[in-house]
N, C-alpha and C. Protein backbone atom coordinates (compact mmCIF):
# COMPACT_ATOMS: atom_id res chain seq x y z
N MET A 1 106.60 -110.50 -271.38
CA MET A 1 107.01 -109.93 -272.65
C MET A 1 107.44 -108.49 -272.41
N SER A 2 108.53 -108.07 -272.99
CA SER A 2 109.04 -106.72 -272.80
C SER A 2 108.14 -105.72 -273.54
N GLU A 3 108.28 -104.42 -273.19
CA GLU A 3 107.49 -103.39 -273.87
C GLU A 3 107.76 -103.42 -275.37
N THR A 4 109.01 -103.52 -275.74
CA THR A 4 109.36 -103.58 -277.16
C THR A 4 108.77 -104.82 -277.79
N GLY A 5 108.82 -105.96 -277.07
CA GLY A 5 108.24 -107.20 -277.57
C GLY A 5 106.75 -107.08 -277.78
N SER A 6 106.05 -106.39 -276.86
CA SER A 6 104.62 -106.18 -277.00
C SER A 6 104.31 -105.33 -278.22
N PHE A 7 105.12 -104.31 -278.44
CA PHE A 7 104.92 -103.46 -279.61
C PHE A 7 105.21 -104.24 -280.89
N GLN A 8 106.22 -105.07 -280.84
CA GLN A 8 106.53 -105.91 -282.00
C GLN A 8 105.39 -106.87 -282.29
N TYR A 9 104.79 -107.41 -281.25
CA TYR A 9 103.63 -108.30 -281.40
C TYR A 9 102.50 -107.55 -282.11
N PHE A 10 102.22 -106.34 -281.67
CA PHE A 10 101.19 -105.50 -282.30
C PHE A 10 101.50 -105.30 -283.78
N LYS A 11 102.75 -104.96 -284.09
CA LYS A 11 103.14 -104.75 -285.49
C LYS A 11 103.02 -106.03 -286.30
N ASP A 12 103.40 -107.14 -285.72
CA ASP A 12 103.32 -108.41 -286.43
C ASP A 12 101.88 -108.80 -286.73
N ILE A 13 101.02 -108.69 -285.74
CA ILE A 13 99.62 -109.09 -285.90
C ILE A 13 98.91 -108.26 -286.97
N PHE A 14 99.20 -106.96 -286.99
CA PHE A 14 98.52 -106.07 -287.94
C PHE A 14 99.37 -105.75 -289.18
N HIS A 15 100.48 -106.47 -289.33
CA HIS A 15 101.33 -106.32 -290.51
C HIS A 15 101.74 -104.85 -290.74
N ILE A 16 102.30 -104.27 -289.69
CA ILE A 16 102.71 -102.86 -289.74
C ILE A 16 104.21 -102.78 -289.90
N GLU A 17 104.62 -102.01 -290.89
CA GLU A 17 106.03 -101.70 -291.09
C GLU A 17 106.15 -100.20 -291.18
N HIS A 18 107.00 -99.64 -290.35
CA HIS A 18 107.14 -98.18 -290.33
C HIS A 18 108.05 -97.66 -291.43
N GLY A 19 108.90 -98.49 -291.95
CA GLY A 19 109.84 -97.97 -292.93
C GLY A 19 110.79 -96.99 -292.26
N GLN A 20 110.92 -95.83 -292.85
CA GLN A 20 111.80 -94.81 -292.32
C GLN A 20 110.96 -93.61 -291.88
N PRO A 21 110.73 -93.45 -290.58
CA PRO A 21 109.89 -92.35 -290.11
C PRO A 21 110.34 -90.97 -290.56
N GLU A 22 111.64 -90.77 -290.76
CA GLU A 22 112.14 -89.46 -291.19
C GLU A 22 111.64 -89.10 -292.59
N LEU A 23 111.15 -90.10 -293.34
CA LEU A 23 110.64 -89.84 -294.68
C LEU A 23 109.12 -89.59 -294.71
N TYR A 24 108.47 -89.78 -293.57
CA TYR A 24 107.02 -89.52 -293.50
C TYR A 24 106.78 -88.02 -293.65
N SER A 25 105.62 -87.66 -294.12
CA SER A 25 105.28 -86.24 -294.20
C SER A 25 105.21 -85.68 -292.78
N PRO A 26 105.54 -84.42 -292.60
CA PRO A 26 105.50 -83.85 -291.25
C PRO A 26 104.09 -83.88 -290.66
N LEU A 27 103.08 -83.75 -291.49
CA LEU A 27 101.71 -83.78 -290.95
C LEU A 27 101.30 -85.19 -290.56
N ALA A 28 101.83 -86.21 -291.23
CA ALA A 28 101.58 -87.59 -290.82
C ALA A 28 102.24 -87.85 -289.46
N LEU A 29 103.46 -87.34 -289.29
CA LEU A 29 104.15 -87.48 -288.00
C LEU A 29 103.37 -86.77 -286.90
N ALA A 30 102.88 -85.56 -287.20
CA ALA A 30 102.12 -84.81 -286.21
C ALA A 30 100.80 -85.51 -285.89
N TYR A 31 100.19 -86.11 -286.89
CA TYR A 31 98.93 -86.83 -286.69
C TYR A 31 99.09 -87.96 -285.68
N ILE A 32 100.13 -88.77 -285.85
CA ILE A 32 100.35 -89.87 -284.91
C ILE A 32 100.88 -89.32 -283.58
N GLY A 33 101.71 -88.28 -283.65
CA GLY A 33 102.25 -87.68 -282.43
C GLY A 33 101.18 -87.10 -281.53
N ASP A 34 100.15 -86.52 -282.13
CA ASP A 34 99.02 -85.99 -281.36
C ASP A 34 98.36 -87.09 -280.55
N SER A 35 98.13 -88.22 -281.18
CA SER A 35 97.49 -89.34 -280.48
C SER A 35 98.40 -89.94 -279.41
N VAL A 36 99.67 -90.06 -279.72
CA VAL A 36 100.63 -90.61 -278.75
C VAL A 36 100.67 -89.72 -277.51
N PHE A 37 100.78 -88.41 -277.72
CA PHE A 37 100.83 -87.48 -276.60
C PHE A 37 99.54 -87.55 -275.79
N ASP A 38 98.42 -87.59 -276.48
CA ASP A 38 97.12 -87.67 -275.82
C ASP A 38 97.02 -88.91 -274.94
N ILE A 39 97.42 -90.06 -275.46
CA ILE A 39 97.31 -91.29 -274.67
C ILE A 39 98.29 -91.28 -273.50
N MET A 40 99.45 -90.68 -273.69
CA MET A 40 100.41 -90.58 -272.57
C MET A 40 99.83 -89.71 -271.45
N ILE A 41 99.29 -88.56 -271.80
CA ILE A 41 98.74 -87.65 -270.79
C ILE A 41 97.50 -88.25 -270.14
N ARG A 42 96.64 -88.87 -270.92
CA ARG A 42 95.45 -89.52 -270.35
C ARG A 42 95.85 -90.64 -269.39
N THR A 43 96.84 -91.42 -269.77
CA THR A 43 97.30 -92.51 -268.91
C THR A 43 97.82 -91.97 -267.59
N MET A 44 98.61 -90.91 -267.67
CA MET A 44 99.14 -90.30 -266.45
C MET A 44 98.01 -89.77 -265.57
N GLU A 45 97.06 -89.12 -266.19
CA GLU A 45 95.96 -88.51 -265.45
C GLU A 45 95.09 -89.57 -264.77
N VAL A 46 94.74 -90.61 -265.49
CA VAL A 46 93.88 -91.66 -264.94
C VAL A 46 94.58 -92.42 -263.82
N SER A 47 95.89 -92.55 -263.92
CA SER A 47 96.64 -93.32 -262.91
C SER A 47 96.81 -92.57 -261.60
N GLN A 48 96.58 -91.25 -261.60
CA GLN A 48 96.83 -90.46 -260.40
C GLN A 48 95.70 -90.53 -259.37
N VAL A 49 94.48 -90.36 -259.83
CA VAL A 49 93.35 -90.34 -258.90
C VAL A 49 92.08 -90.68 -259.68
N ASN A 50 91.15 -91.29 -258.99
CA ASN A 50 89.88 -91.63 -259.62
C ASN A 50 88.95 -90.42 -259.55
N LYS A 51 88.45 -89.99 -260.70
CA LYS A 51 87.52 -88.86 -260.73
C LYS A 51 86.58 -89.00 -261.91
N GLN A 52 85.64 -88.09 -262.02
CA GLN A 52 84.68 -88.13 -263.10
C GLN A 52 85.38 -87.88 -264.44
N VAL A 53 84.86 -88.50 -265.48
CA VAL A 53 85.47 -88.42 -266.80
C VAL A 53 85.55 -86.97 -267.29
N ASN A 54 84.53 -86.18 -267.03
CA ASN A 54 84.57 -84.78 -267.49
C ASN A 54 85.69 -84.00 -266.80
N LYS A 55 86.06 -84.38 -265.59
CA LYS A 55 87.18 -83.73 -264.90
C LYS A 55 88.51 -84.19 -265.50
N TYR A 56 88.60 -85.47 -265.86
CA TYR A 56 89.79 -85.93 -266.58
C TYR A 56 89.95 -85.12 -267.86
N HIS A 57 88.86 -85.02 -268.60
CA HIS A 57 88.90 -84.31 -269.89
C HIS A 57 89.36 -82.86 -269.72
N LYS A 58 88.83 -82.19 -268.72
CA LYS A 58 89.19 -80.80 -268.47
C LYS A 58 90.68 -80.67 -268.15
N ASP A 59 91.20 -81.55 -267.31
CA ASP A 59 92.61 -81.51 -266.92
C ASP A 59 93.53 -81.87 -268.09
N VAL A 60 93.16 -82.88 -268.84
CA VAL A 60 93.97 -83.32 -269.98
C VAL A 60 93.97 -82.24 -271.06
N SER A 61 92.82 -81.63 -271.29
CA SER A 61 92.70 -80.61 -272.34
C SER A 61 93.62 -79.41 -272.10
N LYS A 62 93.93 -79.12 -270.85
CA LYS A 62 94.83 -78.01 -270.53
C LYS A 62 96.26 -78.30 -270.98
N ILE A 63 96.59 -79.58 -271.13
CA ILE A 63 97.96 -79.98 -271.48
C ILE A 63 98.10 -80.31 -272.96
N VAL A 64 97.10 -80.92 -273.54
CA VAL A 64 97.22 -81.36 -274.94
C VAL A 64 96.79 -80.29 -275.94
N CYS A 65 96.52 -79.09 -275.47
CA CYS A 65 96.12 -78.00 -276.36
C CYS A 65 97.35 -77.35 -277.00
N ALA A 66 97.11 -76.69 -278.11
CA ALA A 66 98.21 -76.06 -278.87
C ALA A 66 98.99 -75.02 -278.05
N PRO A 67 98.34 -74.14 -277.29
CA PRO A 67 99.13 -73.17 -276.52
C PRO A 67 100.10 -73.84 -275.53
N ALA A 68 99.66 -74.88 -274.85
CA ALA A 68 100.53 -75.58 -273.91
C ALA A 68 101.66 -76.30 -274.64
N GLN A 69 101.34 -76.94 -275.76
CA GLN A 69 102.37 -77.64 -276.53
C GLN A 69 103.39 -76.66 -277.09
N ALA A 70 102.94 -75.48 -277.49
CA ALA A 70 103.86 -74.46 -278.00
C ALA A 70 104.82 -74.02 -276.89
N LYS A 71 104.31 -73.85 -275.68
CA LYS A 71 105.18 -73.49 -274.54
C LYS A 71 106.19 -74.60 -274.27
N MET A 72 105.73 -75.84 -274.34
CA MET A 72 106.62 -76.97 -274.07
C MET A 72 107.77 -77.02 -275.07
N ILE A 73 107.44 -76.92 -276.36
CA ILE A 73 108.49 -77.06 -277.37
C ILE A 73 109.47 -75.91 -277.30
N MET A 74 109.00 -74.71 -276.99
CA MET A 74 109.92 -73.58 -276.90
C MET A 74 110.88 -73.76 -275.72
N ALA A 75 110.40 -74.36 -274.64
CA ALA A 75 111.24 -74.57 -273.47
C ALA A 75 112.25 -75.69 -273.68
N LEU A 76 111.89 -76.69 -274.46
CA LEU A 76 112.79 -77.84 -274.59
C LEU A 76 113.54 -77.89 -275.92
N LYS A 77 113.31 -76.90 -276.78
CA LYS A 77 113.92 -76.90 -278.10
C LYS A 77 115.44 -77.05 -278.05
N GLU A 78 116.07 -76.43 -277.10
CA GLU A 78 117.53 -76.51 -276.99
C GLU A 78 118.02 -77.90 -276.57
N HIS A 79 117.12 -78.71 -276.06
CA HIS A 79 117.47 -80.07 -275.63
C HIS A 79 117.22 -81.11 -276.72
N LEU A 80 116.67 -80.68 -277.85
CA LEU A 80 116.42 -81.61 -278.94
C LEU A 80 117.72 -81.92 -279.68
N THR A 81 117.78 -83.10 -280.22
CA THR A 81 118.92 -83.45 -281.07
C THR A 81 118.77 -82.70 -282.39
N GLU A 82 119.81 -82.69 -283.18
CA GLU A 82 119.75 -82.03 -284.48
C GLU A 82 118.65 -82.66 -285.35
N GLU A 83 118.57 -83.97 -285.30
CA GLU A 83 117.56 -84.71 -286.06
C GLU A 83 116.15 -84.31 -285.60
N GLU A 84 115.94 -84.23 -284.29
CA GLU A 84 114.64 -83.85 -283.75
C GLU A 84 114.30 -82.40 -284.10
N ARG A 85 115.29 -81.52 -284.08
CA ARG A 85 115.07 -80.11 -284.47
C ARG A 85 114.63 -80.03 -285.93
N ASP A 86 115.23 -80.85 -286.77
CA ASP A 86 114.84 -80.86 -288.19
C ASP A 86 113.38 -81.31 -288.34
N ILE A 87 113.01 -82.35 -287.61
CA ILE A 87 111.62 -82.84 -287.65
C ILE A 87 110.68 -81.75 -287.13
N TYR A 88 111.07 -81.09 -286.04
CA TYR A 88 110.26 -80.00 -285.48
C TYR A 88 110.03 -78.91 -286.53
N LYS A 89 111.10 -78.49 -287.18
CA LYS A 89 111.00 -77.42 -288.19
C LYS A 89 110.11 -77.84 -289.35
N ARG A 90 110.24 -79.09 -289.78
CA ARG A 90 109.37 -79.58 -290.86
C ARG A 90 107.91 -79.54 -290.44
N GLY A 91 107.63 -79.96 -289.21
CA GLY A 91 106.26 -79.94 -288.70
C GLY A 91 105.74 -78.52 -288.53
N ARG A 92 106.56 -77.66 -287.99
CA ARG A 92 106.17 -76.26 -287.77
C ARG A 92 105.88 -75.56 -289.09
N ASN A 93 106.65 -75.87 -290.12
CA ASN A 93 106.53 -75.19 -291.40
C ASN A 93 105.55 -75.85 -292.37
N ALA A 94 104.97 -76.97 -291.98
CA ALA A 94 104.06 -77.69 -292.87
C ALA A 94 102.79 -76.88 -293.11
N ASN A 95 102.28 -76.97 -294.31
CA ASN A 95 101.04 -76.27 -294.65
C ASN A 95 99.84 -77.10 -294.23
N SER A 96 99.28 -76.76 -293.09
CA SER A 96 98.10 -77.45 -292.59
C SER A 96 96.87 -76.64 -292.96
N TYR A 97 95.82 -77.34 -293.33
CA TYR A 97 94.60 -76.65 -293.74
C TYR A 97 93.60 -76.56 -292.61
N THR A 98 94.04 -76.90 -291.41
CA THR A 98 93.19 -76.77 -290.24
C THR A 98 93.85 -75.80 -289.28
N LYS A 99 93.07 -75.33 -288.32
CA LYS A 99 93.64 -74.46 -287.29
C LYS A 99 93.00 -74.78 -285.96
N ALA A 100 93.73 -74.45 -284.92
CA ALA A 100 93.24 -74.71 -283.57
C ALA A 100 92.14 -73.70 -283.22
N LYS A 101 91.22 -74.16 -282.40
CA LYS A 101 90.11 -73.30 -281.99
C LYS A 101 90.58 -72.18 -281.05
N ASN A 102 91.43 -72.52 -280.11
CA ASN A 102 91.80 -71.58 -279.06
C ASN A 102 93.30 -71.30 -279.04
N ALA A 103 93.89 -71.13 -280.21
CA ALA A 103 95.33 -70.88 -280.30
C ALA A 103 95.61 -69.93 -281.45
N THR A 104 96.71 -69.22 -281.33
CA THR A 104 97.14 -68.39 -282.44
C THR A 104 97.72 -69.29 -283.52
N ARG A 105 97.90 -68.73 -284.69
CA ARG A 105 98.50 -69.50 -285.80
C ARG A 105 99.92 -69.94 -285.43
N THR A 106 100.65 -69.07 -284.77
CA THR A 106 102.03 -69.38 -284.36
C THR A 106 102.04 -70.52 -283.35
N GLU A 107 101.16 -70.46 -282.36
CA GLU A 107 101.07 -71.54 -281.37
C GLU A 107 100.72 -72.86 -282.04
N TYR A 108 99.78 -72.80 -282.97
CA TYR A 108 99.34 -74.02 -283.66
C TYR A 108 100.49 -74.63 -284.46
N ARG A 109 101.26 -73.80 -285.12
CA ARG A 109 102.39 -74.31 -285.92
C ARG A 109 103.47 -74.92 -285.03
N LYS A 110 103.76 -74.27 -283.92
CA LYS A 110 104.74 -74.80 -282.97
C LYS A 110 104.25 -76.13 -282.40
N ALA A 111 102.97 -76.18 -282.07
CA ALA A 111 102.39 -77.41 -281.52
C ALA A 111 102.45 -78.54 -282.55
N THR A 112 102.22 -78.21 -283.81
CA THR A 112 102.32 -79.21 -284.87
C THR A 112 103.75 -79.74 -284.96
N GLY A 113 104.72 -78.86 -284.83
CA GLY A 113 106.12 -79.28 -284.82
C GLY A 113 106.43 -80.19 -283.64
N PHE A 114 105.90 -79.84 -282.47
CA PHE A 114 106.07 -80.66 -281.26
C PHE A 114 105.48 -82.05 -281.49
N GLU A 115 104.27 -82.10 -282.00
CA GLU A 115 103.62 -83.38 -282.26
C GLU A 115 104.37 -84.20 -283.30
N ALA A 116 104.95 -83.53 -284.29
CA ALA A 116 105.74 -84.23 -285.30
C ALA A 116 106.95 -84.92 -284.67
N VAL A 117 107.60 -84.23 -283.74
CA VAL A 117 108.74 -84.84 -283.03
C VAL A 117 108.28 -86.08 -282.26
N LEU A 118 107.16 -85.97 -281.57
CA LEU A 118 106.65 -87.11 -280.80
C LEU A 118 106.27 -88.27 -281.72
N GLY A 119 105.63 -87.96 -282.83
CA GLY A 119 105.27 -89.00 -283.80
C GLY A 119 106.50 -89.67 -284.37
N TYR A 120 107.50 -88.89 -284.66
CA TYR A 120 108.76 -89.42 -285.19
C TYR A 120 109.40 -90.37 -284.19
N LEU A 121 109.49 -89.95 -282.93
CA LEU A 121 110.11 -90.81 -281.90
C LEU A 121 109.31 -92.09 -281.70
N TYR A 122 108.00 -91.97 -281.75
CA TYR A 122 107.14 -93.15 -281.60
C TYR A 122 107.36 -94.13 -282.75
N LEU A 123 107.31 -93.63 -283.98
CA LEU A 123 107.47 -94.51 -285.13
C LEU A 123 108.89 -95.08 -285.22
N LYS A 124 109.83 -94.34 -284.69
CA LYS A 124 111.21 -94.80 -284.63
C LYS A 124 111.39 -95.84 -283.51
N GLU A 125 110.36 -95.96 -282.69
CA GLU A 125 110.33 -96.86 -281.53
C GLU A 125 111.38 -96.49 -280.50
N ASP A 126 111.64 -95.21 -280.38
CA ASP A 126 112.55 -94.71 -279.36
C ASP A 126 111.70 -94.22 -278.19
N PHE A 127 111.11 -95.17 -277.49
CA PHE A 127 110.15 -94.86 -276.43
C PHE A 127 110.81 -94.18 -275.23
N GLU A 128 112.06 -94.49 -274.97
CA GLU A 128 112.75 -93.83 -273.86
C GLU A 128 112.91 -92.34 -274.15
N ARG A 129 113.37 -92.02 -275.35
CA ARG A 129 113.55 -90.62 -275.73
C ARG A 129 112.19 -89.92 -275.80
N LEU A 130 111.19 -90.58 -276.32
CA LEU A 130 109.84 -90.04 -276.36
C LEU A 130 109.39 -89.64 -274.96
N THR A 131 109.58 -90.54 -274.02
CA THR A 131 109.20 -90.29 -272.62
C THR A 131 109.98 -89.12 -272.05
N ASP A 132 111.28 -89.08 -272.33
CA ASP A 132 112.13 -87.99 -271.83
C ASP A 132 111.68 -86.63 -272.38
N VAL A 133 111.36 -86.58 -273.67
CA VAL A 133 110.93 -85.33 -274.29
C VAL A 133 109.61 -84.87 -273.67
N VAL A 134 108.67 -85.78 -273.50
CA VAL A 134 107.38 -85.43 -272.88
C VAL A 134 107.61 -84.96 -271.45
N LYS A 135 108.45 -85.64 -270.70
CA LYS A 135 108.74 -85.25 -269.31
C LYS A 135 109.35 -83.86 -269.25
N MET A 136 110.32 -83.58 -270.13
CA MET A 136 110.93 -82.24 -270.15
C MET A 136 109.88 -81.17 -270.48
N GLY A 137 109.01 -81.48 -271.41
CA GLY A 137 107.96 -80.53 -271.78
C GLY A 137 107.00 -80.28 -270.63
N LEU A 138 106.59 -81.33 -269.96
CA LEU A 138 105.66 -81.18 -268.84
C LEU A 138 106.32 -80.42 -267.69
N ASP A 139 107.58 -80.71 -267.43
CA ASP A 139 108.31 -79.99 -266.38
C ASP A 139 108.37 -78.49 -266.70
N ALA A 140 108.67 -78.17 -267.95
CA ALA A 140 108.75 -76.77 -268.38
C ALA A 140 107.39 -76.09 -268.26
N LEU A 141 106.34 -76.80 -268.61
CA LEU A 141 104.98 -76.25 -268.52
C LEU A 141 104.63 -75.98 -267.06
N GLN A 142 104.99 -76.89 -266.19
CA GLN A 142 104.71 -76.73 -264.76
C GLN A 142 105.49 -75.56 -264.19
N GLU A 143 106.74 -75.39 -264.61
CA GLU A 143 107.55 -74.27 -264.14
C GLU A 143 106.97 -72.93 -264.59
N ALA A 144 106.37 -72.90 -265.76
CA ALA A 144 105.81 -71.67 -266.32
C ALA A 144 104.55 -71.23 -265.58
N GLU A 145 103.91 -72.16 -264.90
CA GLU A 145 102.65 -71.83 -264.20
C GLU A 145 102.89 -71.18 -262.86
């Protein structure tokens, strides 16, 4: 079964219809985008080497935190499509009633915008573009270090 077929199976079994992801609230997009990004980074980390779970957590936390996500989105913003930039801006400008523990308000807002883009691409089922955006962000983060 293809990746898309597997995802369709999941949607069919649980009666999930995405409708139009561009109409979702930016915080809903960021909510799902946060989880999508987390599972992508965890999958990459676990596939590289076997280590203790607390070491996985420490390494993953350095990437999925708001300051790192803010750096990623600023580096790849020029590579976003117009549609993705609009989603980013909606996410960045959304009124969230929570804040990150170890990030500035600006970093947190940028990270929310980044997560909104990822959530949008996921719900749109554009997994190739989702992967490309994450790869560009990780490359930019690595270059900054």
